PDB file of N, CA and C in Angstrom:
ATOM      1  N   MET A   1       1.218  -1.511  -0.121  1.00  0.00           N
ATOM      2  CA  MET A   1       0.013  -0.030  -0.219  1.00  0.00           C
ATOM      3  C   MET A   1       0.663   1.612   0.087  1.00  0.00           C
ATOM      4  N   ALA A   2       0.482   2.374  -0.874  1.00  0.00           N
ATOM      5  CA  ALA A   2       0.971   3.120  -0.867  1.00  0.00           C
ATOM      6  C   ALA A   2       0.423   4.798  -1.275  1.00  0.00           C
ATOM      7  N   VAL A   3       0.817   6.229  -0.176  1.00  0.00           N
ATOM      8  CA  VAL A   3      -0.004   7.387  -1.107  1.00  0.00           C
ATOM      9  C   VAL A   3       0.354   8.521  -0.413  1.00  0.00           C
ATOM     10  N   ILE A   4       0.275   8.986  -1.662  1.00  0.00           N
ATOM     11  CA  ILE A   4       0.584  10.322  -1.668  1.00  0.00           C
ATOM     12  C   ILE A   4      -0.939  11.512  -1.347  1.00  0.00           C
ATOM     13  N   GLU A   5      -0.758  12.184  -0.056  1.00  0.00           N
ATOM     14  CA  GLU A   5      -1.546  13.542  -0.249  1.00  0.00           C
ATOM     15  C   GLU A   5      -0.997  14.646  -0.741  1.00  0.00           C
ATOM     16  N   LEU A   6      -2.090  15.605  -1.970  1.00  0.00           N
ATOM     17  CA  LEU A   6      -1.155  16.695  -1.733  1.00  0.00           C
ATOM     18  C   LEU A   6      -2.350  18.009  -2.085  1.00  0.00           C
ATOM     19  N   GLY A   7      -1.810  19.147  -2.405  1.00  0.00           N
ATOM     20  CA  GLY A   7      -2.750  20.184  -2.750  1.00  0.00           C
ATOM     21  C   GLY A   7      -2.380  21.778  -3.025  1.00  0.00           C
ATOM     22  N   ALA A   8      -3.365  22.315  -3.475  1.00  0.00           N
ATOM     23  CA  ALA A   8      -2.455  23.592  -3.805  1.00  0.00           C
ATOM     24  C   ALA A   8      -2.670  24.762  -3.267  1.00  0.00           C
ATOM     25  N   GLU A   9      -1.680  26.133  -3.017  1.00  0.00           N
ATOM     26  CA  GLU A   9      -1.786  26.850  -2.148  1.00  0.00           C
ATOM     27  C   GLU A   9      -2.331  28.202  -3.220  1.00  0.00           C
ATOM     28  N   ALA A  10      -3.395  28.399  -3.631  1.00  0.00           N
ATOM     29  CA  ALA A  10      -3.160  29.298  -4.389  1.00  0.00           C
ATOM     30  C   ALA A  10      -2.788  30.612  -4.716  1.00  0.00           C
ATOM     31  N   TRP A  11      -2.956  30.799  -3.018  1.00  0.00           N
ATOM     32  CA  TRP A  11      -2.142  32.729  -2.796  1.00  0.00           C
ATOM     33  C   TRP A  11      -0.728  32.873  -2.954  1.00  0.00           C
ATOM     34  N   ARG A  12       0.336  31.422  -3.183  1.00  0.00           N
ATOM     35  CA  ARG A  12       1.405  31.654  -3.094  1.00  0.00           C
ATOM     36  C   ARG A  12       1.764  30.926  -4.866  1.00  0.00           C
ATOM     37  N   ARG A  13       1.034  30.080  -5.489  1.00  0.00           N
ATOM     38  CA  ARG A  13       1.379  29.788  -6.413  1.00  0.00           C
ATOM     39  C   ARG A  13       1.925  28.058  -6.166  1.00  0.00           C
ATOM     40  N   GLY A  14       1.733  27.311  -5.150  1.00  0.00           N
ATOM     41  CA  GLY A  14       2.409  26.245  -4.819  1.00  0.00           C
ATOM     42  C   GLY A  14       1.932  25.018  -3.932  1.00  0.00           C
ATOM     43  N   GLY A  15       2.504  24.106  -4.255  1.00  0.00           N
ATOM     44  CA  GLY A  15       1.661  23.026  -3.407  1.00  0.00           C
ATOM     45  C   GLY A  15       2.864  22.663  -2.848  1.00  0.00           C
ATOM     46  N   VAL A  16       1.797  21.449  -1.564  1.00  0.00           N
ATOM     47  CA  VAL A  16       2.216  20.786  -0.491  1.00  0.00           C
ATOM     48  C   VAL A  16       2.130  19.517  -0.634  1.00  0.00           C
ATOM     49  N   ILE A  17       3.387  18.561  -0.403  1.00  0.00           N
ATOM     50  CA  ILE A  17       2.703  17.272   0.129  1.00  0.00           C
ATOM     51  C   ILE A  17       2.920  17.230   1.593  1.00  0.00           C
ATOM     52  N   TRP A  18       1.665  16.899   1.286  1.00  0.00           N
ATOM     53  CA  TRP A  18       1.186  16.616   2.980  1.00  0.00           C
ATOM     54  C   TRP A  18       1.612  15.054   3.521  1.00  0.00           C
ATOM     55  N   ASN A  19       1.589  14.250   2.518  1.00  0.00           N
ATOM     56  CA  ASN A  19       2.191  12.772   3.585  1.00  0.00           C
ATOM     57  C   ASN A  19       2.370  12.292   2.120  1.00  0.00           C
ATOM     58  N   LEU A  20       3.522  11.426   2.618  1.00  0.00           N
ATOM     59  CA  LEU A  20       4.238  10.246   1.209  1.00  0.00           C
ATOM     60  C   LEU A  20       4.325   8.952   2.203  1.00  0.00           C
ATOM     61  N   LEU A  21       3.342   8.084   1.853  1.00  0.00           N
ATOM     62  CA  LEU A  21       3.510   6.871   3.234  1.00  0.00           C
ATOM     63  C   LEU A  21       3.665   5.423   2.302  1.00  0.00           C
ATOM     64  N   VAL A  22       4.726   4.845   2.180  1.00  0.00           N
ATOM     65  CA  VAL A  22       4.897   3.189   1.373  1.00  0.00           C
ATOM     66  C   VAL A  22       5.278   2.287   2.515  1.00  0.00           C
ATOM     67  N   HIS A  23       4.421   1.732   2.348  1.00  0.00           N
ATOM     68  CA  HIS A  23       4.435   0.597   3.557  1.00  0.00           C
ATOM     69  C   HIS A  23       5.618  -0.143   3.448  1.00  0.00           C
ATOM     70  N   ARG A  24       6.400  -0.517   4.497  1.00  0.00           N
ATOM     71  CA  ARG A  24       7.713  -1.588   4.252  1.00  0.00           C
ATOM     72  C   ARG A  24       7.744  -2.428   3.694  1.00  0.00           C
ATOM     73  N   PRO A  25       6.722  -3.209   3.659  1.00  0.00           N
ATOM     74  CA  PRO A  25       6.867  -4.353   2.133  1.00  0.00           C
ATOM     75  C   PRO A  25       7.447  -4.014   0.730  1.00  0.00           C
ATOM     76  N   TYR A  26       6.798  -2.525   0.765  1.00  0.00           N
ATOM     77  CA  TYR A  26       6.875  -2.401  -0.799  1.00  0.00           C
ATOM     78  C   TYR A  26       7.794  -1.732  -0.633  1.00  0.00           C
ATOM     79  N   ARG A  27       8.883  -0.847   0.499  1.00  0.00           N
ATOM     80  CA  ARG A  27      10.195   0.192  -0.883  1.00  0.00           C
ATOM     81  C   ARG A  27      10.552  -0.469  -1.429  1.00  0.00           C
ATOM     82  N   ARG A  28      11.380   0.379  -2.009  1.00  0.00           N
ATOM     83  CA  ARG A  28      12.423   0.137  -2.649  1.00  0.00           C
ATOM     84  C   ARG A  28      12.137  -0.651  -3.926  1.00  0.00           C
ATOM     85  N   ARG A  29      11.139  -0.133  -3.877  1.00  0.00           N
ATOM     86  CA  ARG A  29      10.695  -1.047  -6.037  1.00  0.00           C
ATOM     87  C   ARG A  29       9.940   0.358  -6.371  1.00  0.00           C
ATOM     88  N   GLY A  30      10.093   1.854  -6.292  1.00  0.00           N
ATOM     89  CA  GLY A  30      10.078   2.474  -7.226  1.00  0.00           C
ATOM     90  C   GLY A  30       8.872   3.293  -7.272  1.00  0.00           C
ATOM     91  N   ILE A  31       8.327   3.071  -6.191  1.00  0.00           N
ATOM     92  CA  ILE A  31       6.823   3.358  -5.963  1.00  0.00           C
ATOM     93  C   ILE A  31       6.908   5.268  -5.186  1.00  0.00           C
ATOM     94  N   GLY A  32       7.683   5.471  -4.592  1.00  0.00           N
ATOM     95  CA  GLY A  32       7.577   6.479  -3.922  1.00  0.00           C
ATOM     96  C   GLY A  32       8.338   7.277  -4.607  1.00  0.00           C
ATOM     97  N   THR A  33       8.960   7.255  -5.667  1.00  0.00           N
ATOM     98  CA  THR A  33       9.774   7.810  -6.658  1.00  0.00           C
ATOM     99  C   THR A  33       8.555   7.991  -8.070  1.00  0.00           C
ATOM    100  N   ALA A  34       7.502   7.061  -7.891  1.00  0.00           N
ATOM    101  CA  ALA A  34       6.928   7.348  -9.094  1.00  0.00           C
ATOM    102  C   ALA A  34       5.711   8.361  -8.517  1.00  0.00           C
ATOM    103  N   LEU A  35       5.242   8.017  -7.131  1.00  0.00           N
ATOM    104  CA  LEU A  35       4.513   8.937  -6.466  1.00  0.00           C
ATOM    105  C   LEU A  35       4.747  10.249  -6.564  1.00  0.00           C
ATOM    106  N   VAL A  36       6.202  10.596  -6.339  1.00  0.00           N
ATOM    107  CA  VAL A  36       6.524  11.863  -6.131  1.00  0.00           C
ATOM    108  C   VAL A  36       7.094  12.628  -7.578  1.00  0.00           C
ATOM    109  N   ARG A  37       6.871  12.018  -8.393  1.00  0.00           N
ATOM    110  CA  ARG A  37       7.262  12.146  -9.970  1.00  0.00           C
ATOM    111  C   ARG A  37       5.683  12.701 -10.535  1.00  0.00           C
ATOM    112  N   ALA A  38       4.580  11.940 -10.111  1.00  0.00           N
ATOM    113  CA  ALA A  38       3.589  12.411 -10.781  1.00  0.00           C
ATOM    114  C   ALA A  38       2.875  13.515  -9.651  1.00  0.00           C
ATOM    115  N   ALA A  39       3.452  13.928  -8.347  1.00  0.00           N
ATOM    116  CA  ALA A  39       3.520  14.824  -7.838  1.00  0.00           C
ATOM    117  C   ALA A  39       4.334  16.679  -8.769  1.00  0.00           C
ATOM    118  N   ILE A  40       5.269  15.790  -8.895  1.00  0.00           N
ATOM    119  CA  ILE A  40       5.942  17.097  -9.690  1.00  0.00           C
ATOM    120  C   ILE A  40       5.182  17.114 -10.694  1.00  0.00           C
ATOM    121  N   ALA A  41       4.586  16.140 -11.666  1.00  0.00           N
ATOM    122  CA  ALA A  41       3.997  16.885 -12.772  1.00  0.00           C
ATOM    123  C   ALA A  41       2.328  17.010 -12.511  1.00  0.00           C
ATOM    124  N   TRP A  42       1.921  17.046 -11.514  1.00  0.00           N
ATOM    125  CA  TRP A  42       0.531  17.714 -11.144  1.00  0.00           C
ATOM    126  C   TRP A  42       0.692  19.012 -10.990  1.00  0.00           C
ATOM    127  N   GLY A  43       1.821  19.653 -10.342  1.00  0.00           N
ATOM    128  CA  GLY A  43       2.325  20.833 -10.285  1.00  0.00           C
ATOM    129  C   GLY A  43       2.696  21.703 -11.194  1.00  0.00           C
ATOM    130  N   ARG A  44       3.583  20.800 -12.525  1.00  0.00           N
ATOM    131  CA  ARG A  44       3.501  21.407 -13.319  1.00  0.00           C
ATOM    132  C   ARG A  44       2.209  21.776 -14.423  1.00  0.00           C
ATOM    133  N   GLU A  45       1.372  20.742 -14.197  1.00  0.00           N
ATOM    134  CA  GLU A  45       0.091  21.071 -15.413  1.00  0.00           C
ATOM    135  C   GLU A  45      -0.799  21.984 -14.281  1.00  0.00           C
ATOM    136  N   HIS A  46      -0.711  22.082 -12.793  1.00  0.00           N
ATOM    137  CA  HIS A  46      -1.079  23.315 -12.423  1.00  0.00           C
ATOM    138  C   HIS A  46      -0.575  24.929 -12.161  1.00  0.00           C
ATOM    139  N   ARG A  47       0.431  24.561 -12.536  1.00  0.00           N
ATOM    140  CA  ARG A  47       1.660  26.233 -12.637  1.00  0.00           C
ATOM    141  C   ARG A  47       1.824  26.598 -11.826  1.00  0.00           C
ATOM    142  N   LEU A  48       2.338  25.589 -10.602  1.00  0.00           N
ATOM    143  CA  LEU A  48       2.571  26.055  -9.376  1.00  0.00           C
ATOM    144  C   LEU A  48       3.759  25.977  -9.403  1.00  0.00           C
ATOM    145  N   ARG A  49       4.249  27.078  -9.013  1.00  0.00           N
ATOM    146  CA  ARG A  49       6.062  27.526  -8.660  1.00  0.00           C
ATOM    147  C   ARG A  49       7.194  26.568  -7.761  1.00  0.00           C
ATOM    148  N   ALA A  50       6.476  25.586  -7.295  1.00  0.00           N
ATOM    149  CA  ALA A  50       7.096  24.861  -5.860  1.00  0.00           C
ATOM    150  C   ALA A  50       6.283  23.951  -5.720  1.00  0.00           C
ATOM    151  N   LEU A  51       6.520  22.818  -5.209  1.00  0.00           N
ATOM    152  CA  LEU A  51       6.028  22.154  -3.957  1.00  0.00           C
ATOM    153  C   LEU A  51       6.719  21.946  -2.794  1.00  0.00           C
ATOM    154  N   VAL A  52       6.086  21.860  -1.981  1.00  0.00           N
ATOM    155  CA  VAL A  52       7.249  21.681  -0.413  1.00  0.00           C
ATOM    156  C   VAL A  52       6.890  20.493   0.404  1.00  0.00           C
ATOM    157  N   LEU A  53       7.569  20.108   1.314  1.00  0.00           N
ATOM    158  CA  LEU A  53       7.160  19.201   2.083  1.00  0.00           C
ATOM    159  C   LEU A  53       7.764  19.578   3.347  1.00  0.00           C
ATOM    160  N   GLU A  54       7.476  18.413   4.187  1.00  0.00           N
ATOM    161  CA  GLU A  54       8.320  18.696   5.663  1.00  0.00           C
ATOM    162  C   GLU A  54       8.491  17.094   5.774  1.00  0.00           C
ATOM    163  N   THR A  55      10.121  16.885   6.735  1.00  0.00           N
ATOM    164  CA  THR A  55      10.326  15.823   7.428  1.00  0.00           C
ATOM    165  C   THR A  55      11.114  15.721   8.437  1.00  0.00           C
ATOM    166  N   GLN A  56      11.475  14.396   8.847  1.00  0.00           N
ATOM    167  CA  GLN A  56      12.266  15.298  10.406  1.00  0.00           C
ATOM    168  C   GLN A  56      13.442  15.083  10.104  1.00  0.00           C
ATOM    169  N   THR A  57      14.500  15.526  10.771  1.00  0.00           N
ATOM    170  CA  THR A  57      15.836  15.557  10.369  1.00  0.00           C
ATOM    171  C   THR A  57      16.393  14.539  11.289  1.00  0.00           C
ATOM    172  N   ASN A  58      16.043  13.524  11.727  1.00  0.00           N
ATOM    173  CA  ASN A  58      16.588  12.221  11.715  1.00  0.00           C
ATOM    174  C   ASN A  58      15.921  11.349  11.282  1.00  0.00           C
ATOM    175  N   ASN A  59      15.265  11.162  10.152  1.00  0.00           N
ATOM    176  CA  ASN A  59      14.820  10.577   8.876  1.00  0.00           C
ATOM    177  C   ASN A  59      15.477  10.548   7.621  1.00  0.00           C
ATOM    178  N   TRP A  60      16.651   9.405   8.060  1.00  0.00           N
ATOM    179  CA  TRP A  60      18.214   9.985   7.007  1.00  0.00           C
ATOM    180  C   TRP A  60      17.314   9.027   5.732  1.00  0.00           C
ATOM    181  N   ALA A  61      16.674   8.008   5.536  1.00  0.00           N
ATOM    182  CA  ALA A  61      15.806   7.374   4.527  1.00  0.00           C
ATOM    183  C   ALA A  61      15.303   8.848   4.036  1.00  0.00           C
ATOM    184  N   ALA A  62      14.221   9.166   4.443  1.00  0.00           N
ATOM    185  CA  ALA A  62      13.519  10.496   3.725  1.00  0.00           C
ATOM    186  C   ALA A  62      14.182  11.928   3.192  1.00  0.00           C
ATOM    187  N   LEU A  63      15.306  11.571   3.664  1.00  0.00           N
ATOM    188  CA  LEU A  63      16.455  13.209   3.946  1.00  0.00           C
ATOM    189  C   LEU A  63      16.761  12.854   2.415  1.00  0.00           C
ATOM    190  N   ASN A  64      17.563  11.592   2.514  1.00  0.00           N
ATOM    191  CA  ASN A  64      18.530  11.239   1.302  1.00  0.00           C
ATOM    192  C   ASN A  64      17.455  11.027  -0.178  1.00  0.00           C
ATOM    193  N   PHE A  65      15.856   9.981   0.486  1.00  0.00           N
ATOM    194  CA  PHE A  65      15.137  10.191  -1.093  1.00  0.00           C
ATOM    195  C   PHE A  65      14.894  11.408  -1.413  1.00  0.00           C
ATOM    196  N   TYR A  66      13.814  12.745  -1.091  1.00  0.00           N
ATOM    197  CA  TYR A  66      13.881  13.990  -1.065  1.00  0.00           C
ATOM    198  C   TYR A  66      15.144  14.715  -1.878  1.00  0.00           C
ATOM    199  N   ARG A  67      16.115  14.561  -1.957  1.00  0.00           N
ATOM    200  CA  ARG A  67      17.537  14.874  -2.486  1.00  0.00           C
ATOM    201  C   ARG A  67      17.536  14.478  -3.651  1.00  0.00           C
ATOM    202  N   ARG A  68      17.440  13.318  -3.758  1.00  0.00           N
ATOM    203  CA  ARG A  68      17.640  12.637  -5.216  1.00  0.00           C
ATOM    204  C   ARG A  68      16.454  12.764  -6.097  1.00  0.00           C
ATOM    205  N   MET A  69      14.940  13.294  -5.232  1.00  0.00           N
ATOM    206  CA  MET A  69      13.838  13.366  -6.306  1.00  0.00           C
ATOM    207  C   MET A  69      14.282  15.013  -6.802  1.00  0.00           C
ATOM    208  N   GLY A  70      15.124  15.710  -6.175  1.00  0.00           N
ATOM    209  CA  GLY A  70      15.846  16.973  -6.756  1.00  0.00           C
ATOM    210  C   GLY A  70      14.403  17.895  -5.940  1.00  0.00           C
ATOM    211  N   PHE A  71      14.479  17.928  -4.323  1.00  0.00           N
ATOM    212  CA  PHE A  71      13.581  18.795  -3.919  1.00  0.00           C
ATOM    213  C   PHE A  71      15.072  19.354  -2.759  1.00  0.00           C
ATOM    214  N   GLU A  72      15.462  20.417  -2.469  1.00  0.00           N
ATOM    215  CA  GLU A  72      15.914  21.198  -1.438  1.00  0.00           C
ATOM    216  C   GLU A  72      16.218  21.612  -0.484  1.00  0.00           C
ATOM    217  N   PRO A  73      16.864  21.530   0.811  1.00  0.00           N
ATOM    218  CA  PRO A  73      16.334  21.706   1.923  1.00  0.00           C
ATOM    219  C   PRO A  73      16.249  23.315   1.979  1.00  0.00           C
ATOM    220  N   SER A  74      15.269  23.851   2.971  1.00  0.00           N
ATOM    221  CA  SER A  74      14.773  25.290   3.060  1.00  0.00           C
ATOM    222  C   SER A  74      14.812  26.079   4.168  1.00  0.00           C
ATOM    223  N   GLU A  75      14.208  25.262   5.015  1.00  0.00           N
ATOM    224  CA  GLU A  75      14.700  25.925   6.422  1.00  0.00           C
ATOM    225  C   GLU A  75      13.691  24.446   7.577  1.00  0.00           C
ATOM    226  N   VAL A  76      14.398  25.272   9.077  1.00  0.00           N
ATOM    227  CA  VAL A  76      14.510  24.474  10.061  1.00  0.00           C
ATOM    228  C   VAL A  76      13.405  24.718  10.873  1.00  0.00           C
ATOM    229  N   ASP A  77      12.916  24.091  11.520  1.00  0.00           N
ATOM    230  CA  ASP A  77      12.147  24.518  12.665  1.00  0.00           C
ATOM    231  C   ASP A  77      12.192  23.785  13.638  1.00  0.00           C
ATOM    232  N   ASP A  78      12.228  24.196  14.863  1.00  0.00           N
ATOM    233  CA  ASP A  78      12.930  23.707  15.806  1.00  0.00           C
ATOM    234  C   ASP A  78      12.083  23.573  17.189  1.00  0.00           C
ATOM    235  N   HIS A  79      10.243  24.303  16.950  1.00  0.00           N
ATOM    236  CA  HIS A  79       9.323  24.341  17.987  1.00  0.00           C
ATOM    237  C   HIS A  79       8.627  23.398  17.107  1.00  0.00           C
ATOM    238  N   PHE A  80       8.495  22.626  16.150  1.00  0.00           N
ATOM    239  CA  PHE A  80       7.327  22.282  14.615  1.00  0.00           C
ATOM    240  C   PHE A  80       6.694  21.259  15.476  1.00  0.00           C
ATOM    241  N   TYR A  81       7.199  20.605  16.196  1.00  0.00           N
ATOM    242  CA  TYR A  81       6.593  19.177  16.971  1.00  0.00           C
ATOM    243  C   TYR A  81       6.202  19.532  18.264  1.00  0.00           C
ATOM    244  N   THR A  82       7.070  20.095  19.168  1.00  0.00           N
ATOM    245  CA  THR A  82       7.012  19.981  20.353  1.00  0.00           C
ATOM    246  C   THR A  82       8.029  21.414  20.997  1.00  0.00           C
ATOM    247  N   ASN A  83       7.694  21.721  22.191  1.00  0.00           N
ATOM    248  CA  ASN A  83       8.948  23.022  22.652  1.00  0.00           C
ATOM    249  C   ASN A  83      10.056  22.421  22.534  1.00  0.00           C
ATOM    250  N   ARG A  84      10.458  21.299  22.693  1.00  0.00           N
ATOM    251  CA  ARG A  84      11.517  20.287  22.607  1.00  0.00           C
ATOM    252  C   ARG A  84      11.942  19.918  21.422  1.00  0.00           C
ATOM    253  N   ASP A  85      12.052  19.989  20.706  1.00  0.00           N
ATOM    254  CA  ASP A  85      12.626  19.082  19.568  1.00  0.00           C
ATOM    255  C   ASP A  85      13.655  18.885  19.004  1.00  0.00           C
ATOM    256  N   LEU A  86      14.317  20.159  19.886  1.00  0.00           N
ATOM    257  CA  LEU A  86      16.111  20.061  19.698  1.00  0.00           C
ATOM    258  C   LEU A  86      16.472  19.306  20.499  1.00  0.00           C
ATOM    259  N   GLU A  87      16.269  18.772  21.540  1.00  0.00           N
ATOM    260  CA  GLU A  87      16.590  18.055  23.247  1.00  0.00           C
ATOM    261  C   GLU A  87      15.744  16.611  22.342  1.00  0.00           C
ATOM    262  N   ALA A  88      14.978  16.451  21.409  1.00  0.00           N
ATOM    263  CA  ALA A  88      14.409  15.257  21.397  1.00  0.00           C
ATOM    264  C   ALA A  88      15.434  14.175  19.781  1.00  0.00           C
ATOM    265  N   GLY A  89      16.144  15.852  19.170  1.00  0.00           N
ATOM    266  CA  GLY A  89      16.775  15.434  17.901  1.00  0.00           C
ATOM    267  C   GLY A  89      15.763  14.973  16.693  1.00  0.00           C
ATOM    268  N   GLU A  90      15.010  15.677  16.730  1.00  0.00           N
ATOM    269  CA  GLU A  90      13.874  15.457  16.065  1.00  0.00           C
ATOM    270  C   GLU A  90      13.234  17.241  15.620  1.00  0.00           C
ATOM    271  N   VAL A  91      13.686  17.463  14.355  1.00  0.00           N
ATOM    272  CA  VAL A  91      13.615  18.592  14.245  1.00  0.00           C
ATOM    273  C   VAL A  91      12.885  19.019  13.212  1.00  0.00           C
ATOM    274  N   ALA A  92      11.553  19.372  12.940  1.00  0.00           N
ATOM    275  CA  ALA A  92      11.581  19.801  11.104  1.00  0.00           C
ATOM    276  C   ALA A  92      11.911  20.339  10.133  1.00  0.00           C
ATOM    277  N   LEU A  93      12.140  19.631   9.322  1.00  0.00           N
ATOM    278  CA  LEU A  93      12.844  20.159   7.510  1.00  0.00           C
ATOM    279  C   LEU A  93      11.657  20.848   6.720  1.00  0.00           C
ATOM    280  N   PHE A  94      11.745  22.029   6.349  1.00  0.00           N
ATOM    281  CA  PHE A  94      11.421  21.658   4.860  1.00  0.00           C
ATOM    282  C   PHE A  94      12.128  22.051   4.053  1.00  0.00           C
ATOM    283  N   TRP A  95      11.283  20.685   2.995  1.00  0.00           N
ATOM    284  CA  TRP A  95      11.985  21.283   1.410  1.00  0.00           C
ATOM    285  C   TRP A  95      11.539  21.793   0.479  1.00  0.00           C
ATOM    286  N   TYR A  96      11.940  22.203  -0.600  1.00  0.00           N
ATOM    287  CA  TYR A  96      10.927  22.401  -1.572  1.00  0.00           C
ATOM    288  C   TYR A  96      11.911  22.126  -3.483  1.00  0.00           C
ATOM    289  N   TYR A  97      10.641  22.037  -3.687  1.00  0.00           N
ATOM    290  CA  TYR A  97      11.160  21.473  -4.989  1.00  0.00           C
ATOM    291  C   TYR A  97      10.719  23.090  -6.424  1.00  0.00           C
ATOM    292  N   GLU A  98      11.359  23.535  -6.944  1.00  0.00           N
ATOM    293  CA  GLU A  98      11.320  24.742  -7.471  1.00  0.00           C
ATOM    294  C   GLU A  98      11.278  24.416  -9.334  1.00  0.00           C
ATOM    295  N   ARG A  99      10.523  25.200  -9.719  1.00  0.00           N
ATOM    296  CA  ARG A  99      10.195  25.225 -11.017  1.00  0.00           C
ATOM    297  C   ARG A  99      11.082  25.008 -11.846  1.00  0.00           C
ATOM    298  N   GLU A 100      11.480  24.427 -12.527  1.00  0.00           N
ATOM    299  CA  GLU A 100      13.188  24.888 -13.202  1.00  0.00           C
ATOM    300  C   GLU A 100      13.208  25.804 -14.087  1.00  0.00           C
ATOM    301  N   ALA A 101      14.099  26.835 -14.196  1.00  0.00           N
ATOM    302  CA  ALA A 101      14.686  27.956 -15.212  1.00  0.00           C
ATOM    303  C   ALA A 101      13.752  27.184 -16.941  1.00  0.00           C
ATOM    304  N   GLY A 102      13.546  28.518 -16.946  1.00  0.00           N
ATOM    305  CA  GLY A 102      12.987  28.262 -18.487  1.00  0.00           C
ATOM    306  C   GLY A 102      12.032  27.794 -18.649  1.00  0.00           C
ATOM    307  N   GLU A 103      10.711  27.036 -17.571  1.00  0.00           N
ATOM    308  CA  GLU A 103       9.803  26.398 -17.467  1.00  0.00           C
ATOM    309  C   GLU A 103       8.436  27.952 -17.314  1.00  0.00           C
ATOM    310  N   SER A 104       7.788  27.250 -18.038  1.00  0.00           N
ATOM    311  CA  SER A 104       6.869  28.925 -18.545  1.00  0.00           C
ATOM    312  C   SER A 104       5.894  28.696 -17.289  1.00  0.00           C
ATOM    313  N   GLY A 105       4.541  29.869 -17.101  1.00  0.00           N
ATOM    314  CA  GLY A 105       4.163  30.052 -15.781  1.00  0.00           C
ATOM    315  C   GLY A 105       3.977  30.773 -15.013  1.00  0.00           C
TER     316      GLY A 105
END
């Protein structure tokens, strides 16, 4: 089982990937890659300037995956989950995938 949840924020012409989940037995089969590529294509079709998503700084698999998919880290929020995120070693990291230079819209 796999799912991706995304939506558009018209006020800033951006898209948000709220959730990406591939159950463990189905990982490493290209499913997550296909879902993210579909999200990127959806963003282009809707003429969005960027997609954003968030993951935890201690989720190494996700960090490496999003970088491979072309997302770039943008900002850190050390109070996103709790008031003690730094102590817990779990800090929110936001990633952006921006439309490539030369794409219209």
